[in-house]
Amino acid sequence: MSGILVTGASGFIGKALAARLAGKHKVVCMSRKHPGLDLPWVRGVFGEFEDLRGLGSHDIDVVVHLAAVTGGCLERDGIVVNVEGTRSLMRYLMDRGCRKFVNASSIAAVGFQNVKFRPLALPIPDEHPCLDRDGYGLSKFLMEEVTKYYHRQNPGIDVINLRLSSVCPDDRMPEPARVRPLGEWALGGITVMCLTDAALAFEAAAEAPHAPGVRIMNATGPKAWAADPVADILRNWWGKDVDVSYFEQPGREFDSVYTVERIRRELGFTALRLP
């Protein structure tokens, strides 16, 4: 049984995950609002040292860091909260012996918020570079870079950055996407998981055997959330700018736009809810 800290425990994913983990681990919740769970709770902001001191009486082996400002945030807020806040949290916990960090990154780290985005490869690999123009994707990418920096300082720590897809309530999943005009966040509309699957992905990462290093993994389903063939959707958006031939191969017409082999191989995770 491990001591696991869940930040953002009052949030959509955090509350569900903390409840799942509580049956097997000693879970501590951290959030600004009470998560409404019968679990130890530290009220505070994860990037504030005085608030982090409230964790001092708890033994923490693993942190699942979900708290963040989300898509559409101001550039400054993304960098202050997602980058500097994560740095503060990791530094505090590393100095107190925590050796494993599971962080919520985002598939938006590649920069698809902007309509000018064009991926360098399809399906999009786990460590596709950041091409963001708007701030949110940059903040998640820089958060990943902070974890690499800390691993260089502390080679024994295990960091898993999950580039999480769009997540929806199990009972309110959207209709699978069809060919439509290109807009902001377009890839997020065809890269969707239900809440239960998202919680399972973080649970698998938190419980995976300790493996020193920094791993970046796309966390989404193996199929696009689409009713029309993926090649048709992408070609309508990008024309000949991007090679979509992968999705024209027999059996791959509805594959995910993001590679998911690494998370399946290393964590044993495959999303169960598919279109």
C-alpha atoms as a PDB file:
ATOM      1  CA  MET A   1       0.000   0.000   0.000  1.00  0.00           C
ATOM      2  CA  SER A   2       1.473   3.323  -1.126  1.00  0.00           C
ATOM      3  CA  GLY A   3       0.895   6.849   0.096  1.00  0.00           C
ATOM      4  CA  ILE A   4      -0.512   8.712  -2.903  1.00  0.00           C
ATOM      5  CA  LEU A   5      -1.146  12.440  -3.162  1.00  0.00           C
ATOM      6  CA  VAL A   6      -3.782  13.530  -5.674  1.00  0.00           C
ATOM      7  CA  THR A   7      -3.708  17.227  -6.532  1.00  0.00           C
ATOM      8  CA  GLY A   8      -6.829  18.772  -7.989  1.00  0.00           C
ATOM      9  CA  ALA A   9      -8.812  16.198  -6.000  1.00  0.00           C
ATOM     10  CA  SER A  10     -12.025  18.225  -6.128  1.00  0.00           C
ATOM     11  CA  GLY A  11     -11.905  18.327  -9.932  1.00  0.00           C
ATOM     12  CA  PHE A  12     -13.633  16.207 -12.523  1.00  0.00           C
ATOM     13  CA  ILE A  13     -10.927  13.555 -12.876  1.00  0.00           C
ATOM     14  CA  GLY A  14      -9.319  14.042  -9.474  1.00  0.00           C
ATOM     15  CA  LYS A  15     -12.380  13.142  -7.451  1.00  0.00           C
ATOM     16  CA  ALA A  16     -13.044   9.996  -9.474  1.00  0.00           C
ATOM     17  CA  LEU A  17      -9.401   8.925  -9.295  1.00  0.00           C
ATOM     18  CA  ALA A  18      -8.999   9.536  -5.561  1.00  0.00           C
ATOM     19  CA  ALA A  19     -12.086   7.426  -4.881  1.00  0.00           C
ATOM     20  CA  ARG A  20     -10.714   4.595  -7.063  1.00  0.00           C
ATOM     21  CA  LEU A  21      -7.300   4.613  -5.396  1.00  0.00           C
ATOM     22  CA  ALA A  22      -8.615   4.848  -1.835  1.00  0.00           C
ATOM     23  CA  GLY A  23      -9.539   1.173  -1.649  1.00  0.00           C
ATOM     24  CA  LYS A  24      -5.940   0.103  -2.204  1.00  0.00           C
ATOM     25  CA  HIS A  25      -3.740   2.983  -1.047  1.00  0.00           C
ATOM     26  CA  LYS A  26      -3.395   5.705   1.559  1.00  0.00           C
ATOM     27  CA  VAL A  27      -4.707   8.647  -0.445  1.00  0.00           C
ATOM     28  CA  VAL A  28      -4.217  12.294   0.471  1.00  0.00           C
ATOM     29  CA  CYS A  29      -6.212  14.918  -1.417  1.00  0.00           C
ATOM     30  CA  MET A  30      -5.042  18.450  -2.146  1.00  0.00           C
ATOM     31  CA  SER A  31      -7.329  21.064  -3.643  1.00  0.00           C
ATOM     32  CA  ARG A  32      -8.784  24.475  -2.990  1.00  0.00           C
ATOM     33  CA  LYS A  33     -12.256  23.041  -2.400  1.00  0.00           C
ATOM     34  CA  HIS A  34     -13.148  20.011  -0.320  1.00  0.00           C
ATOM     35  CA  PRO A  35     -13.489  17.017  -2.667  1.00  0.00           C
ATOM     36  CA  GLY A  36     -16.412  15.615  -0.710  1.00  0.00           C
ATOM     37  CA  LEU A  37     -14.595  12.346  -0.011  1.00  0.00           C
ATOM     38  CA  ASP A  38     -13.915  10.671   3.318  1.00  0.00           C
ATOM     39  CA  LEU A  39     -10.172  11.022   2.832  1.00  0.00           C
ATOM     40  CA  PRO A  40      -7.432  13.181   4.321  1.00  0.00           C
ATOM     41  CA  TRP A  41      -7.586  16.599   2.675  1.00  0.00           C
ATOM     42  CA  VAL A  42      -5.081  19.440   2.552  1.00  0.00           C
ATOM     43  CA  ARG A  43      -6.622  22.705   1.474  1.00  0.00           C
ATOM     44  CA  GLY A  44      -4.353  24.786  -0.677  1.00  0.00           C
ATOM     45  CA  VAL A  45      -2.694  25.711  -3.937  1.00  0.00           C
ATOM     46  CA  PHE A  46      -0.058  23.239  -5.112  1.00  0.00           C
ATOM     47  CA  GLY A  47       2.404  25.920  -6.134  1.00  0.00           C
ATOM     48  CA  GLU A  48       2.405  27.795  -2.798  1.00  0.00           C
ATOM     49  CA  PHE A  49       5.072  26.736  -0.295  1.00  0.00           C
ATOM     50  CA  GLU A  50       2.997  27.614   2.754  1.00  0.00           C
ATOM     51  CA  ASP A  51       0.174  25.422   1.458  1.00  0.00           C
ATOM     52  CA  LEU A  52       2.555  22.591   0.596  1.00  0.00           C
ATOM     53  CA  ARG A  53       3.742  22.564   4.198  1.00  0.00           C
ATOM     54  CA  GLY A  54       0.310  21.181   5.061  1.00  0.00           C
ATOM     55  CA  LEU A  55       1.474  17.909   3.502  1.00  0.00           C
ATOM     56  CA  GLY A  56       4.303  17.579   6.014  1.00  0.00           C
ATOM     57  CA  SER A  57       2.532  15.063   8.269  1.00  0.00           C
ATOM     58  CA  HIS A  58       1.764  12.664   5.405  1.00  0.00           C
ATOM     59  CA  ASP A  59       4.034   9.997   3.929  1.00  0.00           C
ATOM     60  CA  ILE A  60       3.866  10.410   0.155  1.00  0.00           C
ATOM     61  CA  ASP A  61       5.408   7.856  -2.161  1.00  0.00           C
ATOM     62  CA  VAL A  62       3.585   8.871  -5.359  1.00  0.00           C
ATOM     63  CA  VAL A  63       1.962  12.083  -6.537  1.00  0.00           C
ATOM     64  CA  VAL A  64      -0.700  12.172  -9.233  1.00  0.00           C
ATOM     65  CA  HIS A  65      -0.669  15.799 -10.263  1.00  0.00           C
ATOM     66  CA  LEU A  66      -3.933  16.769 -11.941  1.00  0.00           C
ATOM     67  CA  ALA A  67      -4.395  20.361 -10.790  1.00  0.00           C
ATOM     68  CA  ALA A  68      -3.793  22.947 -13.522  1.00  0.00           C
ATOM     69  CA  VAL A  69      -5.252  25.785 -15.494  1.00  0.00           C
ATOM     70  CA  THR A  70      -6.811  24.317 -18.582  1.00  0.00           C
ATOM     71  CA  GLY A  71      -7.147  25.084 -22.271  1.00  0.00           C
ATOM     72  CA  GLY A  72      -7.951  28.644 -23.219  1.00  0.00           C
ATOM     73  CA  CYS A  73      -6.011  30.092 -20.275  1.00  0.00           C
ATOM     74  CA  LEU A  74      -3.937  33.235 -20.551  1.00  0.00           C
ATOM     75  CA  GLU A  75      -0.308  32.648 -21.498  1.00  0.00           C
ATOM     76  CA  ARG A  76       0.878  34.037 -18.167  1.00  0.00           C
ATOM     77  CA  ASP A  77      -1.521  31.893 -16.119  1.00  0.00           C
ATOM     78  CA  GLY A  78      -0.449  28.766 -17.968  1.00  0.00           C
ATOM     79  CA  ILE A  79       3.222  29.396 -17.281  1.00  0.00           C
ATOM     80  CA  VAL A  80       2.772  30.520 -13.662  1.00  0.00           C
ATOM     81  CA  VAL A  81       0.439  27.682 -12.671  1.00  0.00           C
ATOM     82  CA  ASN A  82       1.299  24.766 -14.944  1.00  0.00           C
ATOM     83  CA  VAL A  83       5.044  25.331 -15.137  1.00  0.00           C
ATOM     84  CA  GLU A  84       6.195  27.181 -12.027  1.00  0.00           C
ATOM     85  CA  GLY A  85       3.517  25.559  -9.865  1.00  0.00           C
ATOM     86  CA  THR A  86       4.562  22.076 -10.953  1.00  0.00           C
ATOM     87  CA  ARG A  87       8.205  22.958 -10.336  1.00  0.00           C
ATOM     88  CA  SER A  88       7.371  24.039  -6.783  1.00  0.00           C
ATOM     89  CA  LEU A  89       5.331  20.910  -6.099  1.00  0.00           C
ATOM     90  CA  MET A  90       8.008  18.555  -7.412  1.00  0.00           C
ATOM     91  CA  ARG A  91      10.802  20.314  -5.548  1.00  0.00           C
ATOM     92  CA  TYR A  92       8.929  20.181  -2.245  1.00  0.00           C
ATOM     93  CA  LEU A  93       8.072  16.494  -2.605  1.00  0.00           C
ATOM     94  CA  MET A  94      11.474  15.401  -3.936  1.00  0.00           C
ATOM     95  CA  ASP A  95      13.151  17.086  -0.981  1.00  0.00           C
ATOM     96  CA  ARG A  96      10.930  14.949   1.260  1.00  0.00           C
ATOM     97  CA  GLY A  97      11.703  11.668  -0.425  1.00  0.00           C
ATOM     98  CA  CYS A  98       8.942  11.254  -3.011  1.00  0.00           C
ATOM     99  CA  ARG A  99      10.283   9.249  -5.936  1.00  0.00           C
ATOM    100  CA  LYS A 100       7.365   8.935  -8.335  1.00  0.00           C
ATOM    101  CA  PHE A 101       5.417  11.615 -10.180  1.00  0.00           C
ATOM    102  CA  VAL A 102       2.476  11.117 -12.524  1.00  0.00           C
ATOM    103  CA  ASN A 103       1.571  14.401 -14.205  1.00  0.00           C
ATOM    104  CA  ALA A 104      -1.405  15.369 -16.320  1.00  0.00           C
ATOM    105  CA  SER A 105       0.020  16.788 -19.509  1.00  0.00           C
ATOM    106  CA  SER A 106      -2.180  17.184 -22.575  1.00  0.00           C
ATOM    107  CA  ILE A 107      -2.474  16.088 -26.185  1.00  0.00           C
ATOM    108  CA  ALA A 108      -2.690  19.860 -26.784  1.00  0.00           C
ATOM    109  CA  ALA A 109       1.025  20.125 -25.951  1.00  0.00           C
ATOM    110  CA  VAL A 110       1.649  19.698 -29.673  1.00  0.00           C
ATOM    111  CA  GLY A 111      -0.143  22.974 -30.350  1.00  0.00           C
ATOM    112  CA  PHE A 112      -3.380  21.964 -32.059  1.00  0.00           C
ATOM    113  CA  GLN A 113      -5.386  24.742 -30.434  1.00  0.00           C
ATOM    114  CA  ASN A 114      -4.474  26.979 -33.359  1.00  0.00           C
ATOM    115  CA  VAL A 115      -5.930  26.457 -36.835  1.00  0.00           C
ATOM    116  CA  LYS A 116      -2.418  26.917 -38.280  1.00  0.00           C
ATOM    117  CA  PHE A 117      -1.181  23.746 -36.572  1.00  0.00           C
ATOM    118  CA  ARG A 118       0.018  20.948 -38.807  1.00  0.00           C
ATOM    119  CA  PRO A 119       1.471  17.767 -37.232  1.00  0.00           C
ATOM    120  CA  LEU A 120       4.929  16.669 -38.310  1.00  0.00           C
ATOM    121  CA  ALA A 121       3.852  13.019 -38.404  1.00  0.00           C
ATOM    122  CA  LEU A 122       0.672  10.943 -38.306  1.00  0.00           C
ATOM    123  CA  PRO A 123      -0.303   9.247 -36.112  1.00  0.00           C
ATOM    124  CA  ILE A 124       1.119  11.866 -33.738  1.00  0.00           C
ATOM    125  CA  PRO A 125       3.904  10.280 -31.644  1.00  0.00           C
ATOM    126  CA  ASP A 126       4.143  10.511 -27.858  1.00  0.00           C
ATOM    127  CA  GLU A 127       6.934  13.088 -27.905  1.00  0.00           C
ATOM    128  CA  HIS A 128       5.831  15.167 -30.879  1.00  0.00           C
ATOM    129  CA  PRO A 129       7.438  18.612 -30.422  1.00  0.00           C
ATOM    130  CA  CYS A 130       5.478  21.609 -29.250  1.00  0.00           C
ATOM    131  CA  LEU A 131       4.307  23.860 -32.107  1.00  0.00           C
ATOM    132  CA  ASP A 132       1.951  25.901 -29.928  1.00  0.00           C
ATOM    133  CA  ARG A 133       1.108  29.528 -30.706  1.00  0.00           C
ATOM    134  CA  ASP A 134      -1.359  30.288 -27.922  1.00  0.00           C
ATOM    135  CA  GLY A 135       0.161  29.516 -24.519  1.00  0.00           C
ATOM    136  CA  TYR A 136      -1.682  26.503 -23.110  1.00  0.00           C
ATOM    137  CA  GLY A 137       0.144  23.864 -25.130  1.00  0.00           C
ATOM    138  CA  LEU A 138       3.428  25.614 -24.388  1.00  0.00           C
ATOM    139  CA  SER A 139       2.727  25.500 -20.644  1.00  0.00           C
ATOM    140  CA  LYS A 140       2.178  21.739 -20.727  1.00  0.00           C
ATOM    141  CA  PHE A 141       5.286  21.193 -22.852  1.00  0.00           C
ATOM    142  CA  LEU A 142       7.392  23.313 -20.485  1.00  0.00           C
ATOM    143  CA  MET A 143       5.995  21.348 -17.553  1.00  0.00           C
ATOM    144  CA  GLU A 144       7.332  18.206 -19.238  1.00  0.00           C
ATOM    145  CA  GLU A 145      10.702  19.914 -19.669  1.00  0.00           C
ATOM    146  CA  VAL A 146      10.769  20.753 -15.941  1.00  0.00           C
ATOM    147  CA  THR A 147      10.346  17.056 -15.152  1.00  0.00           C
ATOM    148  CA  LYS A 148      13.287  16.212 -17.424  1.00  0.00           C
ATOM    149  CA  TYR A 149      15.377  18.857 -15.662  1.00  0.00           C
ATOM    150  CA  TYR A 150      14.578  17.384 -12.267  1.00  0.00           C
ATOM    151  CA  HIS A 151      15.383  13.895 -13.467  1.00  0.00           C
ATOM    152  CA  ARG A 152      18.817  15.121 -14.520  1.00  0.00           C
ATOM    153  CA  GLN A 153      19.257  16.305 -10.939  1.00  0.00           C
ATOM    154  CA  ASN A 154      17.706  13.165  -9.428  1.00  0.00           C
ATOM    155  CA  PRO A 155      18.236  10.174 -11.762  1.00  0.00           C
ATOM    156  CA  GLY A 156      16.338   7.852  -9.439  1.00  0.00           C
ATOM    157  CA  ILE A 157      12.935   9.513  -9.796  1.00  0.00           C
ATOM    158  CA  ASP A 158      10.221   7.995 -11.967  1.00  0.00           C
ATOM    159  CA  VAL A 159       8.131  10.499 -13.935  1.00  0.00           C
ATOM    160  CA  ILE A 160       5.223   9.678 -16.215  1.00  0.00           C
ATOM    161  CA  ASN A 161       3.701  12.600 -18.109  1.00  0.00           C
ATOM    162  CA  LEU A 162       0.377  11.535 -19.582  1.00  0.00           C
ATOM    163  CA  ARG A 163      -0.670  13.611 -22.575  1.00  0.00           C
ATOM    164  CA  LEU A 164      -4.344  13.292 -21.798  1.00  0.00           C
ATOM    165  CA  SER A 165      -7.085  13.475 -24.408  1.00  0.00           C
ATOM    166  CA  SER A 166     -10.386  15.323 -24.113  1.00  0.00           C
ATOM    167  CA  VAL A 167     -12.380  13.719 -21.294  1.00  0.00           C
ATOM    168  CA  CYS A 168     -16.177  13.597 -21.011  1.00  0.00           C
ATOM    169  CA  PRO A 169     -18.627  12.169 -18.446  1.00  0.00           C
ATOM    170  CA  ASP A 170     -19.434   8.525 -19.094  1.00  0.00           C
ATOM    171  CA  ASP A 171     -23.125   9.312 -19.566  1.00  0.00           C
ATOM    172  CA  ARG A 172     -22.614  12.405 -21.731  1.00  0.00           C
ATOM    173  CA  MET A 173     -20.201  11.336 -24.424  1.00  0.00           C
ATOM    174  CA  PRO A 174     -20.427  13.425 -27.621  1.00  0.00           C
ATOM    175  CA  GLU A 175     -21.629  12.107 -30.926  1.00  0.00           C
ATOM    176  CA  PRO A 176     -18.702  10.783 -32.985  1.00  0.00           C
ATOM    177  CA  ALA A 177     -17.375  13.529 -35.237  1.00  0.00           C
ATOM    178  CA  ARG A 178     -18.033  13.874 -38.934  1.00  0.00           C
ATOM    179  CA  VAL A 179     -16.338  15.918 -41.646  1.00  0.00           C
ATOM    180  CA  ARG A 180     -16.676  19.556 -40.650  1.00  0.00           C
ATOM    181  CA  PRO A 181     -14.794  22.853 -41.027  1.00  0.00           C
ATOM    182  CA  LEU A 182     -11.474  23.303 -39.278  1.00  0.00           C
ATOM    183  CA  GLY A 183     -11.700  25.227 -36.024  1.00  0.00           C
ATOM    184  CA  GLU A 184      -9.636  25.773 -32.888  1.00  0.00           C
ATOM    185  CA  TRP A 185      -9.062  22.617 -30.797  1.00  0.00           C
ATOM    186  CA  ALA A 186     -10.163  20.527 -33.796  1.00  0.00           C
ATOM    187  CA  LEU A 187      -8.127  17.421 -32.935  1.00  0.00           C
ATOM    188  CA  GLY A 188      -9.583  17.460 -29.429  1.00  0.00           C
ATOM    189  CA  GLY A 189     -12.997  16.749 -30.931  1.00  0.00           C
ATOM    190  CA  ILE A 190     -11.892  13.435 -32.419  1.00  0.00           C
ATOM    191  CA  THR A 191      -9.591  12.410 -29.552  1.00  0.00           C
ATOM    192  CA  VAL A 192     -11.937  11.681 -26.662  1.00  0.00           C
ATOM    193  CA  MET A 193     -12.077   9.379 -23.632  1.00  0.00           C
ATOM    194  CA  CYS A 194     -14.725   8.798 -21.000  1.00  0.00           C
ATOM    195  CA  LEU A 195     -14.017   9.685 -17.361  1.00  0.00           C
ATOM    196  CA  THR A 196     -13.725   6.073 -16.242  1.00  0.00           C
ATOM    197  CA  ASP A 197     -11.032   5.358 -18.837  1.00  0.00           C
ATOM    198  CA  ALA A 198      -9.128   8.531 -17.918  1.00  0.00           C
ATOM    199  CA  ALA A 199      -9.116   7.533 -14.243  1.00  0.00           C
ATOM    200  CA  LEU A 200      -7.934   4.044 -15.212  1.00  0.00           C
ATOM    201  CA  ALA A 201      -5.007   5.521 -17.148  1.00  0.00           C
ATOM    202  CA  PHE A 202      -3.807   7.518 -14.139  1.00  0.00           C
ATOM    203  CA  GLU A 203      -4.376   4.547 -11.839  1.00  0.00           C
ATOM    204  CA  ALA A 204      -2.234   2.355 -14.114  1.00  0.00           C
ATOM    205  CA  ALA A 205       0.530   4.962 -14.120  1.00  0.00           C
ATOM    206  CA  ALA A 206       0.450   5.419 -10.344  1.00  0.00           C
ATOM    207  CA  GLU A 207       0.609   1.672  -9.728  1.00  0.00           C
ATOM    208  CA  ALA A 208       3.200   0.804 -12.365  1.00  0.00           C
ATOM    209  CA  PRO A 209       6.506  -0.571 -11.011  1.00  0.00           C
ATOM    210  CA  HIS A 210       9.131   2.061 -10.307  1.00  0.00           C
ATOM    211  CA  ALA A 211      11.181   2.783 -13.433  1.00  0.00           C
ATOM    212  CA  PRO A 212      13.662   5.678 -13.135  1.00  0.00           C
ATOM    213  CA  GLY A 213      13.377   8.099 -16.022  1.00  0.00           C
ATOM    214  CA  VAL A 214      10.901  10.439 -17.697  1.00  0.00           C
ATOM    215  CA  ARG A 215       8.249   8.961 -19.953  1.00  0.00           C
ATOM    216  CA  ILE A 216       5.784  10.901 -22.082  1.00  0.00           C
ATOM    217  CA  MET A 217       2.744   8.954 -23.211  1.00  0.00           C
ATOM    218  CA  ASN A 218      -0.341   9.791 -25.218  1.00  0.00           C
ATOM    219  CA  ALA A 219      -3.331   8.817 -23.078  1.00  0.00           C
ATOM    220  CA  THR A 220      -6.310   8.299 -25.326  1.00  0.00           C
ATOM    221  CA  GLY A 221      -8.301   5.541 -26.982  1.00  0.00           C
ATOM    222  CA  PRO A 222      -7.012   3.399 -29.853  1.00  0.00           C
ATOM    223  CA  LYS A 223      -9.801   4.669 -32.101  1.00  0.00           C
ATOM    224  CA  ALA A 224     -10.677   8.199 -33.168  1.00  0.00           C
ATOM    225  CA  TRP A 225     -13.978   9.523 -31.842  1.00  0.00           C
ATOM    226  CA  ALA A 226     -15.270   9.758 -35.386  1.00  0.00           C
ATOM    227  CA  ALA A 227     -18.152   8.532 -37.513  1.00  0.00           C
ATOM    228  CA  ASP A 228     -16.489   9.479 -40.813  1.00  0.00           C
ATOM    229  CA  PRO A 229     -13.121   8.040 -41.889  1.00  0.00           C
ATOM    230  CA  VAL A 230     -10.245   9.876 -40.248  1.00  0.00           C
ATOM    231  CA  ALA A 231      -8.524  10.511 -43.585  1.00  0.00           C
ATOM    232  CA  ASP A 232     -11.612  12.355 -44.840  1.00  0.00           C
ATOM    233  CA  ILE A 233     -11.803  14.521 -41.719  1.00  0.00           C
ATOM    234  CA  LEU A 234      -8.098  15.421 -41.786  1.00  0.00           C
ATOM    235  CA  ARG A 235      -7.958  16.015 -45.525  1.00  0.00           C
ATOM    236  CA  ASN A 236     -10.886  18.407 -45.222  1.00  0.00           C
ATOM    237  CA  TRP A 237      -8.915  20.358 -42.601  1.00  0.00           C
ATOM    238  CA  TRP A 238      -5.415  20.271 -44.019  1.00  0.00           C
ATOM    239  CA  GLY A 239      -5.667  19.441 -47.704  1.00  0.00           C
ATOM    240  CA  LYS A 240      -2.298  18.234 -48.977  1.00  0.00           C
ATOM    241  CA  ASP A 241      -0.318  19.871 -46.162  1.00  0.00           C
ATOM    242  CA  VAL A 242      -0.181  16.591 -44.228  1.00  0.00           C
ATOM    243  CA  ASP A 243       0.160  12.992 -45.394  1.00  0.00           C
ATOM    244  CA  VAL A 244      -2.960  11.110 -44.228  1.00  0.00           C
ATOM    245  CA  SER A 245      -2.216   7.897 -46.120  1.00  0.00           C
ATOM    246  CA  TYR A 246      -1.813   5.917 -42.876  1.00  0.00           C
ATOM    247  CA  PHE A 247      -5.565   6.202 -42.331  1.00  0.00           C
ATOM    248  CA  GLU A 248      -6.314   5.016 -45.844  1.00  0.00           C
ATOM    249  CA  GLN A 249      -4.849   1.587 -45.170  1.00  0.00           C
ATOM    250  CA  PRO A 250      -7.374  -1.240 -44.681  1.00  0.00           C
ATOM    251  CA  GLY A 251      -8.297  -1.587 -41.019  1.00  0.00           C
ATOM    252  CA  ARG A 252      -6.852   1.798 -40.031  1.00  0.00           C
ATOM    253  CA  GLU A 253      -9.644   4.047 -41.288  1.00  0.00           C
ATOM    254  CA  PHE A 254     -10.756   4.916 -37.751  1.00  0.00           C
ATOM    255  CA  ASP A 255      -7.494   4.628 -35.819  1.00  0.00           C
ATOM    256  CA  SER A 256      -6.570   7.264 -33.260  1.00  0.00           C
ATOM    257  CA  VAL A 257      -4.765  10.343 -34.563  1.00  0.00           C
ATOM    258  CA  TYR A 258      -2.306   9.805 -31.672  1.00  0.00           C
ATOM    259  CA  THR A 259      -0.100   6.756 -31.179  1.00  0.00           C
ATOM    260  CA  VAL A 260      -1.110   4.730 -28.136  1.00  0.00           C
ATOM    261  CA  GLU A 261       1.276   1.792 -28.322  1.00  0.00           C
ATOM    262  CA  ARG A 262       3.601   2.973 -25.562  1.00  0.00           C
ATOM    263  CA  ILE A 263       0.917   3.368 -22.893  1.00  0.00           C
ATOM    264  CA  ARG A 264      -0.473  -0.062 -23.798  1.00  0.00           C
ATOM    265  CA  ARG A 265       2.937  -1.711 -23.735  1.00  0.00           C
ATOM    266  CA  GLU A 266       4.383  -0.060 -20.624  1.00  0.00           C
ATOM    267  CA  LEU A 267       1.304   0.493 -18.457  1.00  0.00           C
ATOM    268  CA  GLY A 268      -1.071  -2.122 -19.828  1.00  0.00           C
ATOM    269  CA  PHE A 269      -3.691   0.546 -20.496  1.00  0.00           C
ATOM    270  CA  THR A 270      -6.189   0.462 -23.335  1.00  0.00           C
ATOM    271  CA  ALA A 271      -9.320   2.612 -23.249  1.00  0.00           C
ATOM    272  CA  LEU A 272     -12.421   0.432 -23.175  1.00  0.00           C
ATOM    273  CA  ARG A 273     -15.085   2.909 -24.254  1.00  0.00           C
ATOM    274  CA  LEU A 274     -14.896   3.367 -28.025  1.00  0.00           C
ATOM    275  CA  PRO A 275     -17.269   4.967 -30.548  1.00  0.00           C
END
